[in-house]
N, C-alpha and C. Protein backbone atom coordinates (compact mmCIF):
# COMPACT_ATOMS: atom_id res chain seq x y z
N MET A 1 87.62 26.75 134.89
CA MET A 1 86.89 27.59 134.58
C MET A 1 87.02 27.77 133.21
N ALA A 2 86.64 27.58 132.18
CA ALA A 2 86.82 27.76 130.34
C ALA A 2 87.03 27.49 130.15
N ARG A 3 88.67 27.60 129.40
CA ARG A 3 89.89 28.28 129.21
C ARG A 3 90.13 27.88 127.64
N LEU A 4 90.62 28.75 126.99
CA LEU A 4 91.43 28.13 124.89
C LEU A 4 92.96 27.35 125.99
N ASP A 5 92.73 26.48 125.30
CA ASP A 5 93.98 25.73 125.72
C ASP A 5 95.12 26.15 124.64
N SER A 6 94.99 26.54 123.32
CA SER A 6 95.75 27.73 122.24
C SER A 6 94.63 27.51 121.12
N VAL A 7 94.72 29.12 120.52
CA VAL A 7 94.53 29.68 119.46
C VAL A 7 95.06 29.34 118.18
N ASN A 8 94.12 28.88 116.78
CA ASN A 8 95.12 28.03 115.66
C ASN A 8 95.27 28.48 114.97
N ILE A 9 96.48 28.76 113.96
CA ILE A 9 96.40 29.71 112.76
C ILE A 9 97.05 28.23 111.70
N GLY A 10 95.91 28.48 110.70
CA GLY A 10 96.22 27.48 109.36
C GLY A 10 97.02 28.41 108.99
N ARG A 11 98.56 27.49 107.45
CA ARG A 11 99.01 27.93 106.72
C ARG A 11 98.56 27.58 105.00
N PRO A 12 98.87 28.05 103.57
CA PRO A 12 98.19 27.10 103.20
C PRO A 12 98.93 25.51 102.46
N HIS A 13 98.98 25.08 102.18
CA HIS A 13 99.65 23.57 101.91
C HIS A 13 99.39 22.34 101.17
N PRO A 14 99.56 22.02 100.25
CA PRO A 14 98.60 21.32 99.46
C PRO A 14 97.89 20.84 99.89
N ASN A 15 96.80 19.97 98.92
CA ASN A 15 95.79 19.37 99.16
C ASN A 15 95.33 18.37 97.90
N PRO A 16 95.79 17.69 98.31
CA PRO A 16 95.57 16.39 96.66
C PRO A 16 94.00 15.60 96.96
N HIS A 17 93.11 15.92 97.52
CA HIS A 17 92.16 15.72 98.27
C HIS A 17 90.58 16.15 97.96
N LYS A 18 90.90 17.75 97.37
CA LYS A 18 89.60 18.52 97.05
C LYS A 18 90.58 19.24 95.76
N LYS A 19 90.03 19.30 94.73
CA LYS A 19 89.62 20.07 93.87
C LYS A 19 90.69 21.44 94.05
N THR A 20 90.41 21.55 94.80
CA THR A 20 91.33 23.24 94.84
C THR A 20 92.44 23.18 95.03
N GLY A 21 93.17 21.51 95.70
CA GLY A 21 94.30 22.18 95.50
C GLY A 21 95.71 22.33 96.64
N VAL A 22 94.93 23.41 97.53
CA VAL A 22 95.41 24.13 98.70
C VAL A 22 94.74 23.83 99.69
N THR A 23 94.65 23.71 101.00
CA THR A 23 94.20 23.82 102.19
C THR A 23 94.93 24.34 103.57
N GLY A 24 94.34 23.99 104.71
CA GLY A 24 94.81 24.91 105.55
C GLY A 24 94.70 24.22 106.97
N ILE A 25 94.30 22.86 107.48
CA ILE A 25 93.46 22.26 108.52
C ILE A 25 94.43 21.83 108.98
N GLY A 26 96.01 21.90 108.38
CA GLY A 26 97.27 21.73 109.44
C GLY A 26 97.21 22.23 110.23
N LYS A 27 96.22 23.20 111.87
CA LYS A 27 96.53 24.44 111.96
C LYS A 27 97.83 24.65 112.81
N GLN A 28 97.92 25.37 113.24
CA GLN A 28 99.26 25.05 114.57
C GLN A 28 99.22 26.60 115.17
N PRO A 29 99.17 26.21 117.00
CA PRO A 29 99.22 27.19 118.16
C PRO A 29 100.04 27.87 117.60
N THR A 30 99.30 29.64 118.30
CA THR A 30 100.17 31.08 117.82
C THR A 30 100.21 31.55 119.40
N LEU A 31 101.41 31.43 120.01
CA LEU A 31 101.15 32.30 121.77
C LEU A 31 100.89 34.07 121.02
N GLU A 32 100.97 34.11 120.22
CA GLU A 32 100.98 35.86 119.74
C GLU A 32 99.60 36.24 119.71
N PRO A 33 98.95 36.90 120.17
CA PRO A 33 96.98 37.77 120.13
C PRO A 33 97.11 37.70 118.60
N VAL A 34 95.41 37.41 118.67
CA VAL A 34 94.98 37.42 117.32
C VAL A 34 93.73 37.92 117.30
N LYS A 35 93.78 38.58 115.93
CA LYS A 35 92.23 39.40 115.88
C LYS A 35 91.40 38.63 115.36
N VAL A 36 90.12 38.72 115.21
CA VAL A 36 88.57 38.00 115.62
C VAL A 36 88.08 39.00 114.95
N ARG A 37 87.48 38.91 113.83
CA ARG A 37 86.61 40.04 113.48
C ARG A 37 85.73 39.01 112.11
N ALA A 38 84.01 40.03 112.26
CA ALA A 38 83.40 38.94 111.10
C ALA A 38 83.74 39.06 109.47
N PRO A 39 84.31 37.43 108.74
CA PRO A 39 84.81 37.56 107.72
C PRO A 39 83.90 37.86 106.48
N GLY A 40 82.72 38.33 106.95
CA GLY A 40 81.56 38.31 105.26
C GLY A 40 81.21 36.35 105.00
N PRO A 41 80.56 37.05 103.95
CA PRO A 41 79.76 35.59 102.87
C PRO A 41 81.22 34.61 102.61
N LYS A 42 80.77 33.75 102.23
CA LYS A 42 81.34 33.13 102.14
C LYS A 42 82.03 33.25 100.77
N THR A 43 82.87 32.48 99.80
CA THR A 43 83.69 33.05 98.80
C THR A 43 84.29 34.37 98.18
N SER A 44 83.71 35.68 98.38
CA SER A 44 83.30 36.67 98.03
C SER A 44 83.57 37.10 100.12
N GLY A 45 83.50 36.77 100.74
CA GLY A 45 84.13 37.62 102.10
C GLY A 45 85.69 37.43 102.22
N LEU A 46 86.18 37.07 103.42
CA LEU A 46 87.53 37.05 104.57
C LEU A 46 88.20 35.91 104.79
N GLY A 47 87.05 34.31 104.38
CA GLY A 47 87.16 33.79 104.34
C GLY A 47 87.36 33.01 106.48
N SER A 48 88.16 33.19 106.85
CA SER A 48 88.36 32.37 108.09
C SER A 48 87.97 34.00 109.09
N GLY A 49 87.20 33.64 110.35
CA GLY A 49 86.96 34.94 111.37
C GLY A 49 88.12 35.35 112.02
N LEU A 50 89.67 34.70 111.54
CA LEU A 50 90.84 34.80 111.90
C LEU A 50 91.53 35.27 111.48
N VAL A 51 92.15 36.38 111.54
CA VAL A 51 92.89 37.29 111.10
C VAL A 51 94.15 36.11 110.82
N GLY A 52 95.14 35.84 109.57
CA GLY A 52 96.09 35.25 109.60
C GLY A 52 95.49 34.07 109.10
N ASP A 53 94.47 33.58 108.98
CA ASP A 53 94.18 31.87 109.09
C ASP A 53 93.82 31.36 107.70
N PHE A 54 94.24 30.85 106.96
CA PHE A 54 93.92 30.64 105.91
C PHE A 54 92.71 28.99 105.43
N ILE A 55 91.52 30.01 104.63
CA ILE A 55 91.13 28.59 104.31
C ILE A 55 91.19 28.45 102.59
N GLY A 56 91.03 27.00 102.04
CA GLY A 56 91.48 26.54 100.87
C GLY A 56 90.49 27.12 100.06
N ASP A 57 89.24 25.76 100.21
CA ASP A 57 87.57 26.12 99.47
C ASP A 57 86.61 26.79 100.88
N GLY A 58 87.04 28.19 99.89
CA GLY A 58 85.85 28.89 100.52
C GLY A 58 84.52 28.72 100.33
N LYS A 59 84.31 27.71 98.88
CA LYS A 59 82.62 28.14 98.69
C LYS A 59 81.86 26.98 100.17
N HIS A 60 82.94 26.05 100.32
CA HIS A 60 82.33 25.47 101.46
C HIS A 60 82.37 25.39 102.88
N HIS A 61 83.50 26.08 103.14
CA HIS A 61 84.41 26.79 104.24
C HIS A 61 84.48 27.94 105.07
N GLY A 62 84.16 28.72 106.07
CA GLY A 62 85.14 30.19 105.96
C GLY A 62 83.09 30.65 105.69
N GLY A 63 83.55 31.89 106.18
CA GLY A 63 82.06 32.63 106.19
C GLY A 63 81.80 32.92 106.97
N ASP A 64 80.62 34.37 107.50
CA ASP A 64 79.92 34.79 109.11
C ASP A 64 79.21 33.58 109.08
N GLY A 65 78.84 31.94 108.74
CA GLY A 65 78.45 31.36 109.62
C GLY A 65 79.47 30.34 110.45
N GLN A 66 80.79 29.93 109.61
CA GLN A 66 81.52 29.25 110.11
C GLN A 66 83.28 29.90 109.51
N ALA A 67 82.72 31.69 110.65
CA ALA A 67 84.09 31.78 111.19
C ALA A 67 84.63 31.63 112.36
N VAL A 68 84.77 30.85 112.92
CA VAL A 68 85.38 30.05 113.88
C VAL A 68 85.31 28.93 114.11
N TYR A 69 86.18 28.14 114.36
CA TYR A 69 85.71 25.85 114.69
C TYR A 69 86.51 26.41 115.69
N ALA A 70 85.87 25.77 117.13
CA ALA A 70 86.22 25.05 118.37
C ALA A 70 85.74 24.04 118.49
N PHE A 71 86.59 23.24 119.33
CA PHE A 71 86.17 21.45 119.62
C PHE A 71 87.43 21.25 120.68
N GLN A 72 87.47 20.30 121.77
CA GLN A 72 87.93 20.76 123.08
C GLN A 72 88.77 19.46 123.01
N ARG A 73 90.33 20.00 123.60
CA ARG A 73 90.95 19.06 124.29
C ARG A 73 90.66 18.16 124.54
N GLU A 74 89.50 17.65 125.68
CA GLU A 74 89.40 16.41 125.82
C GLU A 74 88.69 15.15 124.55
N ASP A 75 88.66 15.82 123.83
CA ASP A 75 88.12 14.79 122.78
C ASP A 75 89.40 14.63 122.09
N LEU A 76 90.34 15.81 121.91
CA LEU A 76 90.88 15.13 120.96
C LEU A 76 92.40 14.23 121.71
N ASP A 77 92.17 14.33 123.28
CA ASP A 77 93.22 13.31 123.88
C ASP A 77 92.09 11.85 124.34
N GLU A 78 90.75 11.68 124.03
CA GLU A 78 90.18 10.52 123.50
C GLU A 78 90.51 9.78 122.18
N TRP A 79 91.00 10.94 121.23
CA TRP A 79 91.02 10.25 119.40
C TRP A 79 92.18 9.92 119.52
N GLU A 80 92.67 10.35 120.41
CA GLU A 80 94.63 9.61 121.46
C GLU A 80 95.01 8.44 121.95
N ARG A 81 93.76 8.34 122.28
CA ARG A 81 93.74 7.07 123.16
C ARG A 81 93.31 5.73 122.19
N ARG A 82 92.27 6.26 120.97
CA ARG A 82 91.27 5.02 120.38
C ARG A 82 92.49 4.91 119.10
N LEU A 83 93.10 5.72 118.41
CA LEU A 83 94.00 5.86 117.21
C LEU A 83 95.66 5.47 117.36
N GLU A 84 95.62 5.69 118.07
CA GLU A 84 96.98 5.10 119.38
C GLU A 84 97.93 6.33 118.50
N ARG A 85 97.72 7.70 118.67
CA ARG A 85 98.78 8.44 117.86
C ARG A 85 98.91 9.52 117.87
N ALA A 86 99.77 10.66 118.25
CA ALA A 86 99.57 12.17 118.67
C ALA A 86 98.89 12.77 118.17
N LEU A 87 97.81 13.48 118.83
CA LEU A 87 96.58 14.40 118.00
C LEU A 87 97.50 16.04 119.08
N PRO A 88 97.83 16.86 118.31
CA PRO A 88 98.85 18.16 118.58
C PRO A 88 97.26 19.26 118.39
N ASN A 89 97.07 20.39 118.74
CA ASN A 89 95.93 21.32 119.32
C ASN A 89 95.97 21.68 117.83
N GLY A 90 95.11 21.78 117.08
CA GLY A 90 94.63 22.35 115.56
C GLY A 90 94.61 20.94 114.73
N PHE A 91 95.24 19.87 114.80
CA PHE A 91 95.69 18.96 114.19
C PHE A 91 93.96 18.77 113.18
N PHE A 92 92.76 18.51 114.34
CA PHE A 92 91.58 18.76 113.29
C PHE A 92 91.33 19.43 112.80
N GLY A 93 92.01 21.01 112.66
CA GLY A 93 91.77 22.45 111.99
C GLY A 93 90.76 22.82 112.62
N GLU A 94 90.54 22.85 114.02
CA GLU A 94 90.14 23.73 114.87
C GLU A 94 90.63 25.08 115.08
N ASN A 95 89.93 26.68 115.11
CA ASN A 95 90.85 27.34 115.56
C ASN A 95 91.16 27.51 116.61
N LEU A 96 90.09 27.14 117.31
CA LEU A 96 90.00 27.11 119.29
C LEU A 96 89.95 25.85 119.94
N THR A 97 91.08 25.47 120.39
CA THR A 97 91.33 24.03 121.36
C THR A 97 90.94 24.47 122.45
N THR A 98 89.75 24.27 123.14
CA THR A 98 89.34 24.57 124.78
C THR A 98 89.30 23.46 126.03
N LEU A 99 89.69 23.81 126.87
CA LEU A 99 89.50 23.16 128.25
C LEU A 99 88.26 23.64 128.78
N GLY A 100 87.78 22.72 129.59
CA GLY A 100 86.72 22.93 130.90
C GLY A 100 85.31 23.11 129.91
N LEU A 101 85.18 23.07 128.54
CA LEU A 101 84.00 23.88 127.88
C LEU A 101 83.26 21.59 127.47
N GLU A 102 82.27 22.18 127.72
CA GLU A 102 81.92 20.60 127.07
C GLU A 102 80.64 21.42 125.63
N ILE A 103 81.75 21.66 124.78
CA ILE A 103 80.92 22.19 123.58
C ILE A 103 80.20 21.38 122.71
N ASN A 104 80.45 20.00 122.60
CA ASN A 104 78.99 19.51 122.42
C ASN A 104 77.54 19.48 123.00
N ASP A 105 77.27 20.27 123.81
CA ASP A 105 76.27 19.64 124.46
C ASP A 105 75.71 21.38 124.61
N ALA A 106 76.65 22.21 123.82
CA ALA A 106 76.01 23.63 123.39
C ALA A 106 74.90 23.80 123.11
N ARG A 107 74.64 24.89 123.07
CA ARG A 107 73.03 24.76 122.45
C ARG A 107 73.05 26.22 121.22
N ILE A 108 72.36 25.63 119.96
CA ILE A 108 72.42 26.80 118.65
C ILE A 108 71.99 28.08 119.39
N GLY A 109 72.52 29.32 118.83
CA GLY A 109 72.07 30.22 118.77
C GLY A 109 73.26 31.33 120.63
N GLU A 110 74.24 29.55 121.31
CA GLU A 110 74.57 30.73 122.68
C GLU A 110 75.92 31.22 121.89
N ARG A 111 75.96 32.26 123.19
CA ARG A 111 77.58 32.73 123.07
C ARG A 111 78.00 32.53 123.93
N TRP A 112 79.40 32.78 123.81
CA TRP A 112 80.46 32.68 124.41
C TRP A 112 81.48 34.08 124.18
N ARG A 113 81.87 34.67 126.35
CA ARG A 113 82.47 35.54 125.63
C ARG A 113 84.14 35.05 125.46
N VAL A 114 84.87 35.41 124.98
CA VAL A 114 86.57 34.62 124.84
C VAL A 114 87.39 35.86 125.17
N GLY A 115 88.14 35.78 126.12
CA GLY A 115 88.74 36.88 126.76
C GLY A 115 87.72 38.52 127.01
N PRO A 116 88.63 39.23 126.99
CA PRO A 116 87.46 40.73 127.49
C PRO A 116 86.59 41.30 126.25
N GLN A 117 86.86 40.69 124.99
CA GLN A 117 86.24 41.56 124.06
C GLN A 117 85.56 40.41 123.36
N VAL A 118 86.00 39.30 123.31
CA VAL A 118 85.81 38.46 121.90
C VAL A 118 84.03 38.42 122.11
N VAL A 119 82.74 38.02 121.30
CA VAL A 119 81.44 36.88 121.35
C VAL A 119 81.68 36.69 120.39
N LEU A 120 81.11 35.03 120.39
CA LEU A 120 81.01 34.38 119.87
C LEU A 120 79.91 33.40 120.44
N GLN A 121 79.14 33.36 118.77
CA GLN A 121 77.77 32.80 118.85
C GLN A 121 77.41 31.66 118.36
N VAL A 122 77.10 30.13 119.27
CA VAL A 122 77.55 28.62 117.93
C VAL A 122 76.09 28.22 117.49
N THR A 123 76.93 28.41 116.35
CA THR A 123 75.77 28.33 114.59
C THR A 123 75.48 27.00 114.41
N ALA A 124 76.62 25.85 114.15
CA ALA A 124 75.87 24.28 113.98
C ALA A 124 77.68 23.79 113.65
N PRO A 125 77.04 22.22 113.90
CA PRO A 125 77.91 21.36 113.84
C PRO A 125 79.34 20.93 113.16
N ARG A 126 80.37 20.40 112.92
CA ARG A 126 81.74 20.73 111.66
C ARG A 126 80.80 19.03 111.11
N ILE A 127 80.55 19.11 109.72
CA ILE A 127 80.77 17.56 109.27
C ILE A 127 82.08 17.36 108.45
N PRO A 128 82.26 16.00 108.73
CA PRO A 128 83.41 15.47 107.53
C PRO A 128 83.46 16.07 106.59
N CYS A 129 84.66 16.40 105.57
CA CYS A 129 84.50 16.10 104.34
C CYS A 129 85.90 16.00 104.13
N ALA A 130 85.78 15.87 102.58
CA ALA A 130 86.54 15.16 102.24
C ALA A 130 88.21 15.27 102.64
N THR A 131 88.25 16.76 102.72
CA THR A 131 89.60 17.57 103.25
C THR A 131 90.54 16.69 104.46
N PHE A 132 89.55 16.60 105.87
CA PHE A 132 89.74 16.14 106.57
C PHE A 132 89.44 14.77 106.48
N ARG A 133 88.43 13.64 105.69
CA ARG A 133 88.81 12.32 106.08
C ARG A 133 90.29 12.12 105.04
N GLY A 134 91.21 12.86 104.15
CA GLY A 134 92.35 12.26 103.51
C GLY A 134 93.71 12.69 104.79
N TRP A 135 93.08 13.58 105.12
CA TRP A 135 94.12 14.96 106.23
C TRP A 135 94.59 13.81 106.75
N MET A 136 93.49 13.05 107.99
CA MET A 136 93.39 11.52 109.04
C MET A 136 94.19 10.76 108.67
N GLY A 137 94.16 9.76 106.98
CA GLY A 137 94.87 9.27 107.26
C GLY A 137 93.95 7.84 107.45
N GLU A 138 93.00 7.88 108.03
CA GLU A 138 92.44 6.78 108.82
C GLU A 138 91.53 6.01 107.94
N LYS A 139 91.64 4.51 107.39
CA LYS A 139 90.31 3.95 106.87
C LYS A 139 89.23 4.40 107.60
N GLY A 140 88.41 4.84 106.78
CA GLY A 140 86.69 4.81 107.13
C GLY A 140 86.91 5.63 108.55
N TRP A 141 87.30 6.68 107.81
CA TRP A 141 87.75 8.11 108.70
C TRP A 141 86.16 8.99 109.05
N ALA A 142 85.36 9.11 107.80
CA ALA A 142 84.34 10.11 108.40
C ALA A 142 82.63 9.67 109.05
N LYS A 143 83.53 7.97 108.77
CA LYS A 143 82.22 7.71 109.32
C LYS A 143 82.44 6.94 111.62
N THR A 144 83.95 6.96 110.85
CA THR A 144 84.20 6.58 112.15
C THR A 144 83.76 7.95 113.33
N PHE A 145 84.65 8.63 112.33
CA PHE A 145 84.47 10.21 113.07
C PHE A 145 82.64 10.89 113.74
N THR A 146 81.63 10.20 112.97
CA THR A 146 80.38 10.68 112.35
C THR A 146 80.01 10.06 113.73
N ALA A 147 79.70 8.38 113.85
CA ALA A 147 79.47 8.31 114.79
C ALA A 147 79.69 8.04 116.20
N ALA A 148 80.78 8.79 116.83
CA ALA A 148 81.33 9.14 117.56
C ALA A 148 80.62 10.20 118.50
N GLY A 149 79.73 11.06 117.25
CA GLY A 149 78.87 11.78 117.55
C GLY A 149 78.85 13.45 118.24
N ARG A 150 80.66 13.88 118.04
CA ARG A 150 81.61 14.59 119.19
C ARG A 150 81.91 15.75 118.45
N PRO A 151 81.31 17.02 117.02
CA PRO A 151 81.67 17.00 115.29
C PRO A 151 82.72 18.37 116.41
N GLY A 152 82.43 18.96 117.25
CA GLY A 152 82.86 20.01 117.91
C GLY A 152 81.45 21.50 117.10
N ALA A 153 82.17 22.08 117.41
CA ALA A 153 81.36 23.75 116.78
C ALA A 153 81.83 24.87 115.70
N TYR A 154 80.86 24.88 115.44
CA TYR A 154 81.81 26.55 114.13
C TYR A 154 80.56 27.58 115.42
N LEU A 155 81.09 28.18 114.58
CA LEU A 155 80.70 29.44 115.24
C LEU A 155 80.57 31.23 114.78
N SER A 156 79.68 32.11 114.72
CA SER A 156 79.97 33.55 114.33
C SER A 156 80.16 34.23 115.03
N VAL A 157 80.88 35.47 114.57
CA VAL A 157 81.60 36.43 115.78
C VAL A 157 80.68 37.65 115.78
N ILE A 158 80.63 37.68 116.71
CA ILE A 158 79.22 39.25 117.29
C ILE A 158 79.92 40.45 117.70
N ALA A 159 81.15 39.86 118.49
CA ALA A 159 81.76 41.42 118.59
C ALA A 159 83.82 40.88 118.99
N SER A 160 83.88 41.63 117.61
CA SER A 160 84.83 41.27 117.15
C SER A 160 86.63 41.45 118.43
N GLY A 161 87.80 41.54 118.34
CA GLY A 161 88.56 41.42 119.16
C GLY A 161 89.54 40.82 119.05
N THR A 162 90.41 40.68 120.31
CA THR A 162 91.15 40.10 120.01
C THR A 162 91.38 38.50 120.77
N ILE A 163 91.94 37.84 120.68
CA ILE A 163 92.28 36.76 122.13
C ILE A 163 93.13 36.13 121.50
N ARG A 164 93.96 35.19 122.46
CA ARG A 164 95.01 34.19 122.59
C ARG A 164 94.83 33.59 123.53
N SER A 165 96.34 32.74 123.68
CA SER A 165 96.48 31.27 124.19
C SER A 165 95.84 32.13 125.94
N GLY A 166 95.26 30.88 126.79
CA GLY A 166 95.14 31.04 128.05
C GLY A 166 93.85 31.79 128.56
N ASP A 167 92.96 32.84 127.28
CA ASP A 167 91.87 33.38 127.82
C ASP A 167 90.88 33.09 128.55
N PRO A 168 90.13 32.90 129.14
CA PRO A 168 88.78 32.16 129.73
C PRO A 168 88.08 32.28 128.58
N ILE A 169 86.60 31.11 129.33
CA ILE A 169 85.56 31.32 128.01
C ILE A 169 84.51 31.37 129.21
N GLU A 170 83.73 32.32 128.58
CA GLU A 170 82.23 32.47 130.09
C GLU A 170 81.08 31.96 128.46
N VAL A 171 80.15 31.22 129.32
CA VAL A 171 79.15 31.45 128.26
C VAL A 171 77.80 32.44 129.03
N ILE A 172 77.79 33.47 128.22
CA ILE A 172 76.87 34.95 128.66
C ILE A 172 75.33 34.52 128.31
N HIS A 173 75.22 33.40 127.40
CA HIS A 173 73.47 33.42 126.82
C HIS A 173 73.66 31.89 126.69
N GLN A 174 72.33 31.85 127.04
CA GLN A 174 71.28 30.21 126.20
C GLN A 174 70.72 30.62 126.12
N PRO A 175 69.68 29.84 124.37
CA PRO A 175 68.15 30.55 124.45
C PRO A 175 67.62 29.26 125.02
N ASP A 176 66.12 30.04 124.88
CA ASP A 176 65.33 28.90 125.33
C ASP A 176 65.19 27.90 124.37
N HIS A 177 65.64 27.31 124.39
CA HIS A 177 65.68 25.65 123.95
C HIS A 177 66.50 24.71 123.99
N GLN A 178 66.49 23.54 123.56
CA GLN A 178 67.50 22.52 124.04
C GLN A 178 67.86 22.42 122.51
N VAL A 179 68.23 22.18 121.86
CA VAL A 179 69.24 21.94 120.78
C VAL A 179 70.57 22.39 120.76
N SER A 180 71.26 21.33 120.44
CA SER A 180 72.16 21.21 121.31
C SER A 180 73.63 20.98 119.41
N ILE A 181 74.40 21.52 120.35
CA ILE A 181 75.36 21.05 118.65
C ILE A 181 75.21 19.16 118.55
N GLY A 182 75.95 18.24 119.15
CA GLY A 182 75.21 17.15 119.26
C GLY A 182 74.19 16.38 118.50
N LEU A 183 72.77 17.79 118.63
CA LEU A 183 71.46 16.79 118.66
C LEU A 183 71.74 16.99 117.39
N VAL A 184 71.86 18.47 116.70
CA VAL A 184 71.63 18.80 115.61
C VAL A 184 72.92 17.75 114.18
N PHE A 185 73.73 17.37 115.06
CA PHE A 185 74.82 17.02 114.21
C PHE A 185 74.05 15.52 114.38
N ARG A 186 73.97 14.64 114.86
CA ARG A 186 72.95 13.61 114.89
C ARG A 186 71.55 13.48 113.63
N ALA A 187 71.07 14.87 114.40
CA ALA A 187 69.81 14.50 113.46
C ALA A 187 70.61 15.10 112.10
N THR A 188 70.71 15.36 111.11
CA THR A 188 71.69 15.77 109.92
C THR A 188 72.70 14.38 109.76
N THR A 189 72.97 13.65 110.57
CA THR A 189 73.83 12.52 109.57
C THR A 189 73.15 10.99 109.54
N THR A 190 73.31 10.44 110.86
CA THR A 190 73.26 9.34 110.95
C THR A 190 71.80 9.30 112.01
N GLU A 191 71.24 10.09 112.28
CA GLU A 191 69.47 10.35 113.05
C GLU A 191 68.27 10.63 112.48
N ARG A 192 67.69 10.64 111.42
CA ARG A 192 67.19 11.16 110.36
C ARG A 192 65.94 11.37 111.39
N ASP A 193 64.98 11.19 111.94
CA ASP A 193 64.37 11.27 112.56
C ASP A 193 63.76 11.94 113.64
N LEU A 194 65.12 12.52 114.49
CA LEU A 194 65.34 13.73 115.57
C LEU A 194 65.12 15.12 114.40
N LEU A 195 65.25 15.00 113.37
CA LEU A 195 65.15 16.13 112.36
C LEU A 195 63.84 17.50 112.79
N PRO A 196 62.73 16.50 113.13
CA PRO A 196 61.92 17.62 113.96
C PRO A 196 62.56 18.35 114.69
N LEU A 197 63.26 17.45 115.82
CA LEU A 197 63.18 18.51 117.08
C LEU A 197 64.16 19.88 117.08
N LEU A 198 64.99 20.01 116.00
CA LEU A 198 65.50 21.29 115.38
C LEU A 198 64.38 22.33 114.80
N LEU A 199 63.32 22.00 115.27
CA LEU A 199 62.64 23.39 114.73
C LEU A 199 62.11 24.35 116.24
N ALA A 200 62.80 23.56 117.16
CA ALA A 200 62.89 24.00 118.60
C ALA A 200 64.12 25.49 118.45
N ALA A 201 64.73 25.50 117.36
CA ALA A 201 65.75 25.92 117.13
C ALA A 201 65.94 26.60 115.66
N GLU A 202 64.95 26.70 115.15
CA GLU A 202 64.10 27.43 113.61
C GLU A 202 65.06 28.47 113.14
N SER A 203 65.12 29.29 114.31
CA SER A 203 65.58 30.55 114.36
C SER A 203 67.22 31.00 114.49
N TYR A 204 67.65 30.09 114.85
CA TYR A 204 68.63 29.62 114.76
C TYR A 204 69.91 28.91 113.61
N LEU A 205 69.05 28.05 113.21
CA LEU A 205 69.75 27.05 112.33
C LEU A 205 70.16 27.47 110.73
N ASP A 206 71.22 27.46 110.27
CA ASP A 206 71.43 27.78 108.99
C ASP A 206 70.68 26.94 107.63
N ARG A 207 71.00 27.60 106.55
CA ARG A 207 70.17 27.73 105.72
C ARG A 207 70.14 26.64 105.05
N GLU A 208 71.01 25.73 105.02
CA GLU A 208 71.45 24.24 104.92
C GLU A 208 70.37 23.03 105.90
N THR A 209 70.69 23.72 106.94
CA THR A 209 70.42 22.45 108.34
C THR A 209 68.66 22.73 108.21
N LEU A 210 68.24 24.15 108.21
CA LEU A 210 66.75 24.04 108.06
C LEU A 210 65.78 24.22 106.59
N GLU A 211 66.51 23.69 105.49
CA GLU A 211 65.72 23.22 104.14
C GLU A 211 65.68 21.46 104.39
N MET A 212 66.84 20.85 105.24
CA MET A 212 66.88 19.84 105.20
C MET A 212 65.81 19.23 106.10
N VAL A 213 65.65 20.07 107.34
CA VAL A 213 64.44 19.73 108.19
C VAL A 213 62.65 20.29 107.32
N ARG A 214 62.79 20.88 106.68
CA ARG A 214 61.59 21.41 105.95
C ARG A 214 60.93 19.60 105.09
N ARG A 215 62.40 19.97 104.40
CA ARG A 215 62.19 18.52 103.42
C ARG A 215 61.98 17.06 103.92
N ARG A 216 61.82 16.88 105.03
CA ARG A 216 61.65 15.94 106.10
C ARG A 216 60.61 16.23 106.47
N GLU A 217 59.60 17.27 106.34
CA GLU A 217 58.63 18.14 107.19
C GLU A 217 57.65 17.51 105.89
N ILE A 218 57.88 17.57 104.87
CA ILE A 218 57.05 17.47 103.56
C ILE A 218 56.86 16.14 103.55
N PHE A 219 58.00 14.92 103.31
CA PHE A 219 58.20 14.25 103.37
C PHE A 219 56.94 13.29 104.38
N LEU A 220 57.36 13.58 104.99
CA LEU A 220 56.13 13.03 105.97
C LEU A 220 54.47 13.72 106.23
N ILE A 221 54.40 14.87 105.88
CA ILE A 221 53.01 14.91 105.02
C ILE A 221 52.95 13.83 104.37
N ASP A 222 53.26 13.90 102.68
CA ASP A 222 53.11 13.40 101.81
C ASP A 222 52.13 12.09 101.86
C-alpha cells in the first residue's frame, strides 16, 4: 500500500537566489502529527497547506492550488544515484515524501485520502524555479530536472485534518480523462505540441496552464 515515508516542514533560512531573500525549500521530516488545511489565495493567504511550513515567495508558491507538494522517494533514490550525493526526504522542497505511489502518472483532479481524515486533489506539476536551481547547486539543474520529466505534484486540500509519517495513501477518485502530471509537465515545458491534449482535463487545469493551451490554439488557428 502507498504511504507517507515522511511529512516535511520548512523553516525560514536565507535565499540568495531570489529577491525575497528567504526560503523554506530545505524541509525537514517531522515525527509529530501535522495539521493540513486549505491556506487560501497566494499572497494574502496562509501560504502552505501544512501548519508550521514556511514559504518564502508567497507570490509564486503556496495558496490553495499549491497547498501541498508531493514527491516520491523512489525518484529521490534515482537522483541520488545520478548525482552521486545524498538527498534526504524534504530536500526537493516536498511536504510529502511518498512510497509506493506513482505520482507522475496521477491524473489532474485525482483525489487521495491521506491518513484517516485528509483528502487532497492533484492540481499541477512542479516547475523548477530559481530557488530550486540555486539550492541544488548542480550545473544546468533546471534543464536536467525538466528533461527527466518527473516533477512531482502540487495538491489542493479538499478535506482538512492531521497527517503523520507512515500514514496510508489511497487514491479515492480518478477523473474520466488521461491527462497526467507527467503529460502536463511535458506539454508546458519541452513538448508544446502536446498542449491541445490537456483540454481533456480543461475543468481541472489551473489558470496559467489553461491560458497557455488557449494561446496555442489561437496560434494554430492563425
